[in-house]
Amino acid sequence: MNIGKFLQQKGIDPDKPVLNITRRQAMAGIMEAIQEYCPNVKIEKMPKEKLEHLIDSLGDNIINYHPEDYHPERVAFLGYIEELKKCGLTDKEEDALDFI
């Protein structure tokens, strides 16, 4: 089945986003999670490329994890532990991030 044609036949715009979050919104969630779980992290120390990847990784996590207790943000952080350690993440904060 051609999904695009099917949706168009139903009068549904196939190109309209289902989830739409800006990097500003993603970063706001990341900053809140940092404040809650790892306040020693100085996110401004993270290189631009790593920060972009961290922010962009939040999109998949929003789909896969419920928003309670900053789970999407915390999963994103778990993929960047070494970089976050360079920004001040402590072992205790790392333990607090891991809910899996």
PDB file of N, CA and C in Angstrom:
ATOM      1  N   MET A   1       0.838  -1.177   0.000  1.00  0.00           N
ATOM      2  CA  MET A   1       0.000   0.000   0.000  1.00  0.00           C
ATOM      3  C   MET A   1       0.885   1.243   0.000  1.00  0.00           C
ATOM      4  N   ASN A   2       0.555   2.194  -0.867  1.00  0.00           N
ATOM      5  CA  ASN A   2       1.252   3.469  -0.887  1.00  0.00           C
ATOM      6  C   ASN A   2       0.635   4.353   0.191  1.00  0.00           C
ATOM      7  N   ILE A   3       1.363   4.574   1.249  1.00  0.00           N
ATOM      8  CA  ILE A   3       0.833   5.282   2.413  1.00  0.00           C
ATOM      9  C   ILE A   3       0.488   6.731   2.076  1.00  0.00           C
ATOM     10  N   GLY A   4       1.338   7.382   1.308  1.00  0.00           N
ATOM     11  CA  GLY A   4       1.076   8.772   0.940  1.00  0.00           C
ATOM     12  C   GLY A   4      -0.227   8.920   0.181  1.00  0.00           C
ATOM     13  N   LYS A   5      -0.430   8.055  -0.812  1.00  0.00           N
ATOM     14  CA  LYS A   5      -1.673   8.104  -1.594  1.00  0.00           C
ATOM     15  C   LYS A   5      -2.875   7.770  -0.721  1.00  0.00           C
ATOM     16  N   PHE A   6      -2.728   6.788   0.138  1.00  0.00           N
ATOM     17  CA  PHE A   6      -3.821   6.400   1.029  1.00  0.00           C
ATOM     18  C   PHE A   6      -4.263   7.580   1.887  1.00  0.00           C
ATOM     19  N   LEU A   7      -3.291   8.254   2.505  1.00  0.00           N
ATOM     20  CA  LEU A   7      -3.625   9.395   3.356  1.00  0.00           C
ATOM     21  C   LEU A   7      -4.257  10.530   2.546  1.00  0.00           C
ATOM     22  N   GLN A   8      -3.732  10.775   1.348  1.00  0.00           N
ATOM     23  CA  GLN A   8      -4.309  11.815   0.500  1.00  0.00           C
ATOM     24  C   GLN A   8      -5.747  11.479   0.121  1.00  0.00           C
ATOM     25  N   GLN A   9      -6.022  10.218  -0.191  1.00  0.00           N
ATOM     26  CA  GLN A   9      -7.386   9.797  -0.520  1.00  0.00           C
ATOM     27  C   GLN A   9      -8.336  10.061   0.641  1.00  0.00           C
ATOM     28  N   LYS A  10      -7.838   9.958   1.845  1.00  0.00           N
ATOM     29  CA  LYS A  10      -8.649  10.203   3.037  1.00  0.00           C
ATOM     30  C   LYS A  10      -8.722  11.694   3.379  1.00  0.00           C
ATOM     31  N   GLY A  11      -7.996  12.519   2.605  1.00  0.00           N
ATOM     32  CA  GLY A  11      -7.978  13.950   2.877  1.00  0.00           C
ATOM     33  C   GLY A  11      -7.050  14.338   4.009  1.00  0.00           C
ATOM     34  N   ILE A  12      -6.072  13.491   4.287  1.00  0.00           N
ATOM     35  CA  ILE A  12      -5.110  13.733   5.363  1.00  0.00           C
ATOM     36  C   ILE A  12      -3.778  14.136   4.739  1.00  0.00           C
ATOM     37  N   ASP A  13      -3.228  15.241   5.189  1.00  0.00           N
ATOM     38  CA  ASP A  13      -1.942  15.714   4.681  1.00  0.00           C
ATOM     39  C   ASP A  13      -0.845  14.755   5.133  1.00  0.00           C
ATOM     40  N   PRO A  14      -0.239  14.007   4.192  1.00  0.00           N
ATOM     41  CA  PRO A  14       0.769  13.019   4.582  1.00  0.00           C
ATOM     42  C   PRO A  14       2.085  13.633   5.050  1.00  0.00           C
ATOM     43  N   ASP A  15       2.293  14.904   4.751  1.00  0.00           N
ATOM     44  CA  ASP A  15       3.559  15.544   5.101  1.00  0.00           C
ATOM     45  C   ASP A  15       3.488  16.401   6.363  1.00  0.00           C
ATOM     46  N   LYS A  16       2.328  16.437   7.000  1.00  0.00           N
ATOM     47  CA  LYS A  16       2.190  17.214   8.229  1.00  0.00           C
ATOM     48  C   LYS A  16       2.865  16.457   9.370  1.00  0.00           C
ATOM     49  N   PRO A  17       3.752  17.118  10.114  1.00  0.00           N
ATOM     50  CA  PRO A  17       4.439  16.428  11.215  1.00  0.00           C
ATOM     51  C   PRO A  17       3.467  15.976  12.305  1.00  0.00           C
ATOM     52  N   VAL A  18       3.749  14.827  12.870  1.00  0.00           N
ATOM     53  CA  VAL A  18       2.976  14.334  14.002  1.00  0.00           C
ATOM     54  C   VAL A  18       3.576  14.899  15.285  1.00  0.00           C
ATOM     55  N   LEU A  19       4.869  14.867  15.363  1.00  0.00           N
ATOM     56  CA  LEU A  19       5.586  15.458  16.495  1.00  0.00           C
ATOM     57  C   LEU A  19       6.370  16.646  15.973  1.00  0.00           C
ATOM     58  N   ASN A  20       6.288  17.733  16.674  1.00  0.00           N
ATOM     59  CA  ASN A  20       7.018  18.915  16.253  1.00  0.00           C
ATOM     60  C   ASN A  20       7.592  19.586  17.496  1.00  0.00           C
ATOM     61  N   ILE A  21       8.893  19.497  17.636  1.00  0.00           N
ATOM     62  CA  ILE A  21       9.571  20.112  18.772  1.00  0.00           C
ATOM     63  C   ILE A  21      10.793  20.843  18.228  1.00  0.00           C
ATOM     64  N   THR A  22      10.969  22.062  18.669  1.00  0.00           N
ATOM     65  CA  THR A  22      12.119  22.837  18.220  1.00  0.00           C
ATOM     66  C   THR A  22      13.336  22.501  19.084  1.00  0.00           C
ATOM     67  N   ARG A  23      14.478  22.866  18.586  1.00  0.00           N
ATOM     68  CA  ARG A  23      15.689  22.675  19.384  1.00  0.00           C
ATOM     69  C   ARG A  23      15.628  23.515  20.656  1.00  0.00           C
ATOM     70  N   ARG A  24      14.973  24.660  20.587  1.00  0.00           N
ATOM     71  CA  ARG A  24      14.809  25.500  21.771  1.00  0.00           C
ATOM     72  C   ARG A  24      14.013  24.741  22.834  1.00  0.00           C
ATOM     73  N   GLN A  25      12.915  24.092  22.415  1.00  0.00           N
ATOM     74  CA  GLN A  25      12.093  23.325  23.349  1.00  0.00           C
ATOM     75  C   GLN A  25      12.859  22.120  23.885  1.00  0.00           C
ATOM     76  N   ALA A  26      13.597  21.456  22.994  1.00  0.00           N
ATOM     77  CA  ALA A  26      14.394  20.303  23.419  1.00  0.00           C
ATOM     78  C   ALA A  26      15.445  20.732  24.439  1.00  0.00           C
ATOM     79  N   MET A  27      16.104  21.848  24.172  1.00  0.00           N
ATOM     80  CA  MET A  27      17.147  22.326  25.081  1.00  0.00           C
ATOM     81  C   MET A  27      16.551  22.736  26.418  1.00  0.00           C
ATOM     82  N   ALA A  28      15.339  23.281  26.403  1.00  0.00           N
ATOM     83  CA  ALA A  28      14.685  23.645  27.664  1.00  0.00           C
ATOM     84  C   ALA A  28      14.480  22.404  28.526  1.00  0.00           C
ATOM     85  N   GLY A  29      14.037  21.305  27.909  1.00  0.00           N
ATOM     86  CA  GLY A  29      13.874  20.054  28.653  1.00  0.00           C
ATOM     87  C   GLY A  29      15.197  19.513  29.152  1.00  0.00           C
ATOM     88  N   ILE A  30      16.214  19.610  28.323  1.00  0.00           N
ATOM     89  CA  ILE A  30      17.549  19.157  28.714  1.00  0.00           C
ATOM     90  C   ILE A  30      18.060  19.969  29.903  1.00  0.00           C
ATOM     91  N   MET A  31      17.874  21.280  29.855  1.00  0.00           N
ATOM     92  CA  MET A  31      18.336  22.135  30.954  1.00  0.00           C
ATOM     93  C   MET A  31      17.584  21.824  32.247  1.00  0.00           C
ATOM     94  N   GLU A  32      16.286  21.564  32.156  1.00  0.00           N
ATOM     95  CA  GLU A  32      15.516  21.198  33.350  1.00  0.00           C
ATOM     96  C   GLU A  32      16.010  19.878  33.933  1.00  0.00           C
ATOM     97  N   ALA A  33      16.282  18.909  33.051  1.00  0.00           N
ATOM     98  CA  ALA A  33      16.770  17.610  33.515  1.00  0.00           C
ATOM     99  C   ALA A  33      18.156  17.736  34.143  1.00  0.00           C
ATOM    100  N   ILE A  34      19.003  18.578  33.569  1.00  0.00           N
ATOM    101  CA  ILE A  34      20.326  18.812  34.157  1.00  0.00           C
ATOM    102  C   ILE A  34      20.169  19.398  35.552  1.00  0.00           C
ATOM    103  N   GLN A  35      19.301  20.372  35.680  1.00  0.00           N
ATOM    104  CA  GLN A  35      19.085  21.007  36.984  1.00  0.00           C
ATOM    105  C   GLN A  35      18.587  19.987  38.008  1.00  0.00           C
ATOM    106  N   GLU A  36      17.731  19.076  37.567  1.00  0.00           N
ATOM    107  CA  GLU A  36      17.131  18.090  38.472  1.00  0.00           C
ATOM    108  C   GLU A  36      18.087  16.944  38.816  1.00  0.00           C
ATOM    109  N   TYR A  37      18.827  16.425  37.818  1.00  0.00           N
ATOM    110  CA  TYR A  37      19.588  15.189  38.013  1.00  0.00           C
ATOM    111  C   TYR A  37      21.100  15.351  38.030  1.00  0.00           C
ATOM    112  N   CYS A  38      21.608  16.378  37.404  1.00  0.00           N
ATOM    113  CA  CYS A  38      23.074  16.521  37.369  1.00  0.00           C
ATOM    114  C   CYS A  38      23.461  18.001  37.346  1.00  0.00           C
ATOM    115  N   PRO A  39      23.209  18.695  38.447  1.00  0.00           N
ATOM    116  CA  PRO A  39      23.460  20.139  38.493  1.00  0.00           C
ATOM    117  C   PRO A  39      24.933  20.536  38.372  1.00  0.00           C
ATOM    118  N   ASN A  40      25.839  19.594  38.510  1.00  0.00           N
ATOM    119  CA  ASN A  40      27.260  19.917  38.354  1.00  0.00           C
ATOM    120  C   ASN A  40      27.673  20.044  36.892  1.00  0.00           C
ATOM    121  N   VAL A  41      26.838  19.569  35.977  1.00  0.00           N
ATOM    122  CA  VAL A  41      27.169  19.618  34.550  1.00  0.00           C
ATOM    123  C   VAL A  41      27.105  21.062  34.057  1.00  0.00           C
ATOM    124  N   LYS A  42      28.148  21.471  33.395  1.00  0.00           N
ATOM    125  CA  LYS A  42      28.216  22.785  32.745  1.00  0.00           C
ATOM    126  C   LYS A  42      28.062  22.531  31.247  1.00  0.00           C
ATOM    127  N   ILE A  43      26.809  22.494  30.800  1.00  0.00           N
ATOM    128  CA  ILE A  43      26.507  22.099  29.427  1.00  0.00           C
ATOM    129  C   ILE A  43      27.168  23.026  28.407  1.00  0.00           C
ATOM    130  N   GLU A  44      27.461  24.259  28.810  1.00  0.00           N
ATOM    131  CA  GLU A  44      28.107  25.191  27.889  1.00  0.00           C
ATOM    132  C   GLU A  44      29.518  24.738  27.516  1.00  0.00           C
ATOM    133  N   LYS A  45      30.098  23.802  28.246  1.00  0.00           N
ATOM    134  CA  LYS A  45      31.425  23.270  27.929  1.00  0.00           C
ATOM    135  C   LYS A  45      31.379  22.222  26.816  1.00  0.00           C
ATOM    136  N   MET A  46      30.194  21.703  26.500  1.00  0.00           N
ATOM    137  CA  MET A  46      30.068  20.658  25.489  1.00  0.00           C
ATOM    138  C   MET A  46      30.302  21.262  24.099  1.00  0.00           C
ATOM    139  N   PRO A  47      31.120  20.604  23.275  1.00  0.00           N
ATOM    140  CA  PRO A  47      31.348  21.107  21.918  1.00  0.00           C
ATOM    141  C   PRO A  47      30.041  21.159  21.117  1.00  0.00           C
ATOM    142  N   LYS A  48      29.987  22.092  20.189  1.00  0.00           N
ATOM    143  CA  LYS A  48      28.788  22.327  19.387  1.00  0.00           C
ATOM    144  C   LYS A  48      28.253  21.047  18.757  1.00  0.00           C
ATOM    145  N   GLU A  49      29.118  20.265  18.114  1.00  0.00           N
ATOM    146  CA  GLU A  49      28.675  19.062  17.409  1.00  0.00           C
ATOM    147  C   GLU A  49      28.038  18.058  18.366  1.00  0.00           C
ATOM    148  N   LYS A  50      28.652  17.875  19.518  1.00  0.00           N
ATOM    149  CA  LYS A  50      28.112  16.937  20.513  1.00  0.00           C
ATOM    150  C   LYS A  50      26.774  17.440  21.049  1.00  0.00           C
ATOM    151  N   LEU A  51      26.696  18.744  21.290  1.00  0.00           N
ATOM    152  CA  LEU A  51      25.455  19.319  21.801  1.00  0.00           C
ATOM    153  C   LEU A  51      24.330  19.179  20.775  1.00  0.00           C
ATOM    154  N   GLU A  52      24.634  19.419  19.512  1.00  0.00           N
ATOM    155  CA  GLU A  52      23.620  19.235  18.463  1.00  0.00           C
ATOM    156  C   GLU A  52      23.116  17.802  18.433  1.00  0.00           C
ATOM    157  N   HIS A  53      24.030  16.850  18.515  1.00  0.00           N
ATOM    158  CA  HIS A  53      23.628  15.438  18.507  1.00  0.00           C
ATOM    159  C   HIS A  53      22.797  15.095  19.738  1.00  0.00           C
ATOM    160  N   LEU A  54      23.191  15.609  20.886  1.00  0.00           N
ATOM    161  CA  LEU A  54      22.426  15.372  22.113  1.00  0.00           C
ATOM    162  C   LEU A  54      21.008  15.921  21.968  1.00  0.00           C
ATOM    163  N   ILE A  55      20.895  17.151  21.502  1.00  0.00           N
ATOM    164  CA  ILE A  55      19.579  17.775  21.326  1.00  0.00           C
ATOM    165  C   ILE A  55      18.743  16.980  20.329  1.00  0.00           C
ATOM    166  N   ASP A  56      19.344  16.645  19.196  1.00  0.00           N
ATOM    167  CA  ASP A  56      18.602  15.931  18.156  1.00  0.00           C
ATOM    168  C   ASP A  56      18.219  14.520  18.581  1.00  0.00           C
ATOM    169  N   SER A  57      19.001  13.896  19.450  1.00  0.00           N
ATOM    170  CA  SER A  57      18.677  12.541  19.905  1.00  0.00           C
ATOM    171  C   SER A  57      17.417  12.524  20.760  1.00  0.00           C
ATOM    172  N   LEU A  58      17.051  13.670  21.273  1.00  0.00           N
ATOM    173  CA  LEU A  58      15.859  13.745  22.114  1.00  0.00           C
ATOM    174  C   LEU A  58      14.596  13.381  21.339  1.00  0.00           C
ATOM    175  N   GLY A  59      14.574  13.636  20.035  1.00  0.00           N
ATOM    176  CA  GLY A  59      13.397  13.325  19.223  1.00  0.00           C
ATOM    177  C   GLY A  59      12.985  11.867  19.309  1.00  0.00           C
ATOM    178  N   ASP A  60      13.918  10.954  19.105  1.00  0.00           N
ATOM    179  CA  ASP A  60      13.610   9.524  19.201  1.00  0.00           C
ATOM    180  C   ASP A  60      13.205   9.143  20.613  1.00  0.00           C
ATOM    181  N   ASN A  61      13.848   9.737  21.582  1.00  0.00           N
ATOM    182  CA  ASN A  61      13.550   9.389  22.971  1.00  0.00           C
ATOM    183  C   ASN A  61      12.159   9.847  23.392  1.00  0.00           C
ATOM    184  N   ILE A  62      11.691  10.952  22.838  1.00  0.00           N
ATOM    185  CA  ILE A  62      10.340  11.416  23.147  1.00  0.00           C
ATOM    186  C   ILE A  62       9.322  10.405  22.651  1.00  0.00           C
ATOM    187  N   ILE A  63       9.608   9.783  21.534  1.00  0.00           N
ATOM    188  CA  ILE A  63       8.710   8.768  20.975  1.00  0.00           C
ATOM    189  C   ILE A  63       8.752   7.497  21.818  1.00  0.00           C
ATOM    190  N   ASN A  64       9.920   7.108  22.259  1.00  0.00           N
ATOM    191  CA  ASN A  64      10.099   5.808  22.910  1.00  0.00           C
ATOM    192  C   ASN A  64       9.911   5.800  24.423  1.00  0.00           C
ATOM    193  N   TYR A  65       9.954   6.946  25.061  1.00  0.00           N
ATOM    194  CA  TYR A  65       9.877   6.988  26.525  1.00  0.00           C
ATOM    195  C   TYR A  65       8.839   8.011  26.974  1.00  0.00           C
ATOM    196  N   HIS A  66       8.127   7.690  28.038  1.00  0.00           N
ATOM    197  CA  HIS A  66       7.144   8.629  28.580  1.00  0.00           C
ATOM    198  C   HIS A  66       7.870   9.809  29.222  1.00  0.00           C
ATOM    199  N   PRO A  67       7.200  10.959  29.309  1.00  0.00           N
ATOM    200  CA  PRO A  67       7.880  12.167  29.782  1.00  0.00           C
ATOM    201  C   PRO A  67       8.101  12.246  31.290  1.00  0.00           C
ATOM    202  N   GLU A  68       7.533  11.338  32.032  1.00  0.00           N
ATOM    203  CA  GLU A  68       7.658  11.386  33.488  1.00  0.00           C
ATOM    204  C   GLU A  68       9.116  11.314  33.927  1.00  0.00           C
ATOM    205  N   ASP A  69       9.459  12.119  34.894  1.00  0.00           N
ATOM    206  CA  ASP A  69      10.808  12.135  35.483  1.00  0.00           C
ATOM    207  C   ASP A  69      11.915  12.351  34.450  1.00  0.00           C
ATOM    208  N   TYR A  70      11.610  13.083  33.403  1.00  0.00           N
ATOM    209  CA  TYR A  70      12.602  13.426  32.375  1.00  0.00           C
ATOM    210  C   TYR A  70      13.228  12.193  31.721  1.00  0.00           C
ATOM    211  N   HIS A  71      12.465  11.134  31.538  1.00  0.00           N
ATOM    212  CA  HIS A  71      13.029   9.924  30.938  1.00  0.00           C
ATOM    213  C   HIS A  71      13.625  10.164  29.549  1.00  0.00           C
ATOM    214  N   PRO A  72      12.960  10.892  28.626  1.00  0.00           N
ATOM    215  CA  PRO A  72      13.598  11.102  27.322  1.00  0.00           C
ATOM    216  C   PRO A  72      14.947  11.809  27.430  1.00  0.00           C
ATOM    217  N   GLU A  73      15.015  12.827  28.260  1.00  0.00           N
ATOM    218  CA  GLU A  73      16.270  13.564  28.425  1.00  0.00           C
ATOM    219  C   GLU A  73      17.331  12.682  29.077  1.00  0.00           C
ATOM    220  N   ARG A  74      16.942  11.922  30.060  1.00  0.00           N
ATOM    221  CA  ARG A  74      17.908  11.069  30.765  1.00  0.00           C
ATOM    222  C   ARG A  74      18.462   9.993  29.842  1.00  0.00           C
ATOM    223  N   VAL A  75      17.619   9.436  28.980  1.00  0.00           N
ATOM    224  CA  VAL A  75      18.117   8.452  28.008  1.00  0.00           C
ATOM    225  C   VAL A  75      19.107   9.127  27.064  1.00  0.00           C
ATOM    226  N   ALA A  76      18.794  10.338  26.642  1.00  0.00           N
ATOM    227  CA  ALA A  76      19.732  11.070  25.783  1.00  0.00           C
ATOM    228  C   ALA A  76      21.061  11.271  26.504  1.00  0.00           C
ATOM    229  N   PHE A  77      21.010  11.632  27.782  1.00  0.00           N
ATOM    230  CA  PHE A  77      22.238  11.822  28.557  1.00  0.00           C
ATOM    231  C   PHE A  77      23.057  10.542  28.638  1.00  0.00           C
ATOM    232  N   LEU A  78      22.382   9.408  28.797  1.00  0.00           N
ATOM    233  CA  LEU A  78      23.103   8.137  28.939  1.00  0.00           C
ATOM    234  C   LEU A  78      23.967   7.839  27.719  1.00  0.00           C
ATOM    235  N   GLY A  79      23.574   8.347  26.565  1.00  0.00           N
ATOM    236  CA  GLY A  79      24.382   8.168  25.363  1.00  0.00           C
ATOM    237  C   GLY A  79      25.573   9.108  25.291  1.00  0.00           C
ATOM    238  N   TYR A  80      25.645  10.048  26.207  1.00  0.00           N
ATOM    239  CA  TYR A  80      26.699  11.060  26.196  1.00  0.00           C
ATOM    240  C   TYR A  80      27.412  11.163  27.536  1.00  0.00           C
ATOM    241  N   ILE A  81      27.482  10.070  28.270  1.00  0.00           N
ATOM    242  CA  ILE A  81      28.080  10.080  29.612  1.00  0.00           C
ATOM    243  C   ILE A  81      29.514  10.602  29.592  1.00  0.00           C
ATOM    244  N   GLU A  82      30.334  10.106  28.696  1.00  0.00           N
ATOM    245  CA  GLU A  82      31.744  10.530  28.680  1.00  0.00           C
ATOM    246  C   GLU A  82      31.864  12.027  28.413  1.00  0.00           C
ATOM    247  N   GLU A  83      31.062  12.524  27.487  1.00  0.00           N
ATOM    248  CA  GLU A  83      31.096  13.958  27.196  1.00  0.00           C
ATOM    249  C   GLU A  83      30.576  14.758  28.387  1.00  0.00           C
ATOM    250  N   LEU A  84      29.523  14.259  29.034  1.00  0.00           N
ATOM    251  CA  LEU A  84      28.981  14.949  30.209  1.00  0.00           C
ATOM    252  C   LEU A  84      29.972  14.943  31.371  1.00  0.00           C
ATOM    253  N   LYS A  85      30.765  13.878  31.481  1.00  0.00           N
ATOM    254  CA  LYS A  85      31.796  13.844  32.527  1.00  0.00           C
ATOM    255  C   LYS A  85      32.827  14.951  32.299  1.00  0.00           C
ATOM    256  N   LYS A  86      33.125  15.226  31.044  1.00  0.00           N
ATOM    257  CA  LYS A  86      34.050  16.320  30.729  1.00  0.00           C
ATOM    258  C   LYS A  86      33.450  17.670  31.104  1.00  0.00           C
ATOM    259  N   CYS A  87      32.120  17.692  31.215  1.00  0.00           N
ATOM    260  CA  CYS A  87      31.405  18.927  31.566  1.00  0.00           C
ATOM    261  C   CYS A  87      31.061  18.985  33.045  1.00  0.00           C
ATOM    262  N   GLY A  88      31.533  17.997  33.833  1.00  0.00           N
ATOM    263  CA  GLY A  88      31.354  18.054  35.278  1.00  0.00           C
ATOM    264  C   GLY A  88      30.450  17.002  35.888  1.00  0.00           C
ATOM    265  N   LEU A  89      29.909  16.081  35.106  1.00  0.00           N
ATOM    266  CA  LEU A  89      29.032  15.037  35.646  1.00  0.00           C
ATOM    267  C   LEU A  89      29.780  14.194  36.675  1.00  0.00           C
ATOM    268  N   THR A  90      29.187  14.009  37.839  1.00  0.00           N
ATOM    269  CA  THR A  90      29.795  13.185  38.888  1.00  0.00           C
ATOM    270  C   THR A  90      29.276  11.754  38.791  1.00  0.00           C
ATOM    271  N   ASP A  91      29.955  10.828  39.456  1.00  0.00           N
ATOM    272  CA  ASP A  91      29.511   9.433  39.473  1.00  0.00           C
ATOM    273  C   ASP A  91      28.130   9.308  40.109  1.00  0.00           C
ATOM    274  N   LYS A  92      27.891  10.065  41.152  1.00  0.00           N
ATOM    275  CA  LYS A  92      26.586  10.035  41.827  1.00  0.00           C
ATOM    276  C   LYS A  92      25.481  10.513  40.884  1.00  0.00           C
ATOM    277  N   GLU A  93      25.758  11.567  40.129  1.00  0.00           N
ATOM    278  CA  GLU A  93      24.780  12.066  39.162  1.00  0.00           C
ATOM    279  C   GLU A  93      24.554  11.058  38.046  1.00  0.00           C
ATOM    280  N   GLU A  94      25.623  10.398  37.613  1.00  0.00           N
ATOM    281  CA  GLU A  94      25.479   9.362  36.583  1.00  0.00           C
ATOM    282  C   GLU A  94      24.540   8.268  37.073  1.00  0.00           C
ATOM    283  N   ASP A  95      24.716   7.840  38.309  1.00  0.00           N
ATOM    284  CA  ASP A  95      23.829   6.817  38.879  1.00  0.00           C
ATOM    285  C   ASP A  95      22.384   7.303  38.912  1.00  0.00           C
ATOM    286  N   ALA A  96      22.171   8.572  39.206  1.00  0.00           N
ATOM    287  CA  ALA A  96      20.814   9.125  39.279  1.00  0.00           C
ATOM    288  C   ALA A  96      20.151   9.184  37.905  1.00  0.00           C
ATOM    289  N   LEU A  97      20.945   9.322  36.856  1.00  0.00           N
ATOM    290  CA  LEU A  97      20.387   9.377  35.504  1.00  0.00           C
ATOM    291  C   LEU A  97      19.845   8.037  35.047  1.00  0.00           C
ATOM    292  N   ASP A  98      20.485   6.964  35.468  1.00  0.00           N
ATOM    293  CA  ASP A  98      20.163   5.631  34.948  1.00  0.00           C
ATOM    294  C   ASP A  98      18.933   5.064  35.635  1.00  0.00           C
ATOM    295  N   PHE A  99      17.851   4.956  34.887  1.00  0.00           N
ATOM    296  CA  PHE A  99      16.609   4.388  35.417  1.00  0.00           C
ATOM    297  C   PHE A  99      16.279   3.062  34.768  1.00  0.00           C
ATOM    298  N   ILE A 100      17.089   2.638  33.824  1.00  0.00           N
ATOM    299  CA  ILE A 100      16.804   1.421  33.049  1.00  0.00           C
ATOM    300  C   ILE A 100      17.201   0.180  33.824  1.00  0.00           C
TER     301      ILE A 100
END
